[in-house]
Protein backbone atom coordinates (compact mmCIF):
# COMPACT_ATOMS: atom_id res chain seq x y z
CA MET A 1 95.18 88.07 92.44
CA GLU A 2 94.07 89.91 89.37
CA LEU A 3 92.95 92.51 91.09
CA ILE A 4 95.98 93.00 92.99
CA GLU A 5 98.04 93.23 89.46
CA GLU A 6 95.59 95.76 88.14
CA LEU A 7 95.80 97.72 90.93
CA ALA A 8 99.43 98.12 90.80
CA GLU A 9 99.45 98.92 86.45
CA GLU A 10 97.03 101.59 87.73
CA ILE A 11 99.28 102.95 90.58
CA ARG A 12 102.22 102.69 87.85
CA LYS A 13 99.65 104.74 85.20
CA TYR A 14 99.02 106.93 87.74
CA ASP A 15 102.85 108.14 88.70
CA ARG A 16 103.48 108.14 85.04
CA ALA A 17 100.68 110.68 84.47
CA ARG A 18 101.69 112.48 87.92
CA ASP A 19 105.02 112.73 86.40
CA LEU A 20 103.90 113.79 82.99
CA THR A 21 101.89 116.31 84.46
CA GLU A 22 104.42 118.46 86.43
CA LYS A 23 106.85 118.09 83.45
CA ALA A 24 104.24 119.84 81.67
CA LEU A 25 103.87 122.15 84.28
CA MET A 26 107.06 123.03 84.69
CA THR A 27 107.67 123.87 80.92
CA GLU A 28 104.40 125.79 80.87
CA MET A 29 102.94 123.55 78.39
CA GLU A 30 99.04 124.22 79.58
CA ASP A 31 97.18 121.85 77.07
CA MET A 32 99.61 118.49 78.14
CA TYR A 33 99.33 119.58 81.74
CA LEU A 34 95.52 119.71 81.19
CA GLU A 35 95.43 116.48 79.22
CA TYR A 36 97.59 114.63 82.00
CA SER A 37 95.64 116.09 84.75
CA SER A 38 92.60 114.33 83.30
CA ARG A 39 94.15 111.03 83.35
CA MET A 40 96.02 111.51 86.87
CA GLU A 41 92.43 111.71 88.37
CA GLN A 42 90.67 109.07 85.93
CA HIS A 43 93.61 106.26 87.07
CA LYS A 44 92.68 107.52 91.18
CA GLU A 45 89.30 106.80 90.24
CA LYS A 46 90.44 103.56 89.06
CA ILE A 47 92.32 103.03 91.90
CA SER A 48 90.02 103.72 94.78
CA GLN A 49 87.46 101.27 92.94
CA LEU A 50 90.02 98.43 92.94
CA ILE A 51 90.71 99.18 96.32
CA LEU A 52 86.66 99.17 96.99
CA GLN A 53 86.44 95.72 95.39
CA ILE A 54 89.82 94.25 97.06
CA GLN A 55 88.30 95.13 100.24
């Protein structure tokens, strides 16, 4: 159950980072774009790891 809750939290963090990445891209804020796209990738990796653990 803990892994599923952690997975849900990582998905929320990923979604938030994706939203901020898109917003930074639209407002041409390159430094923010790079930061949030990096965070998005980190959350994506963590999500994949958690899915493997759950399986």
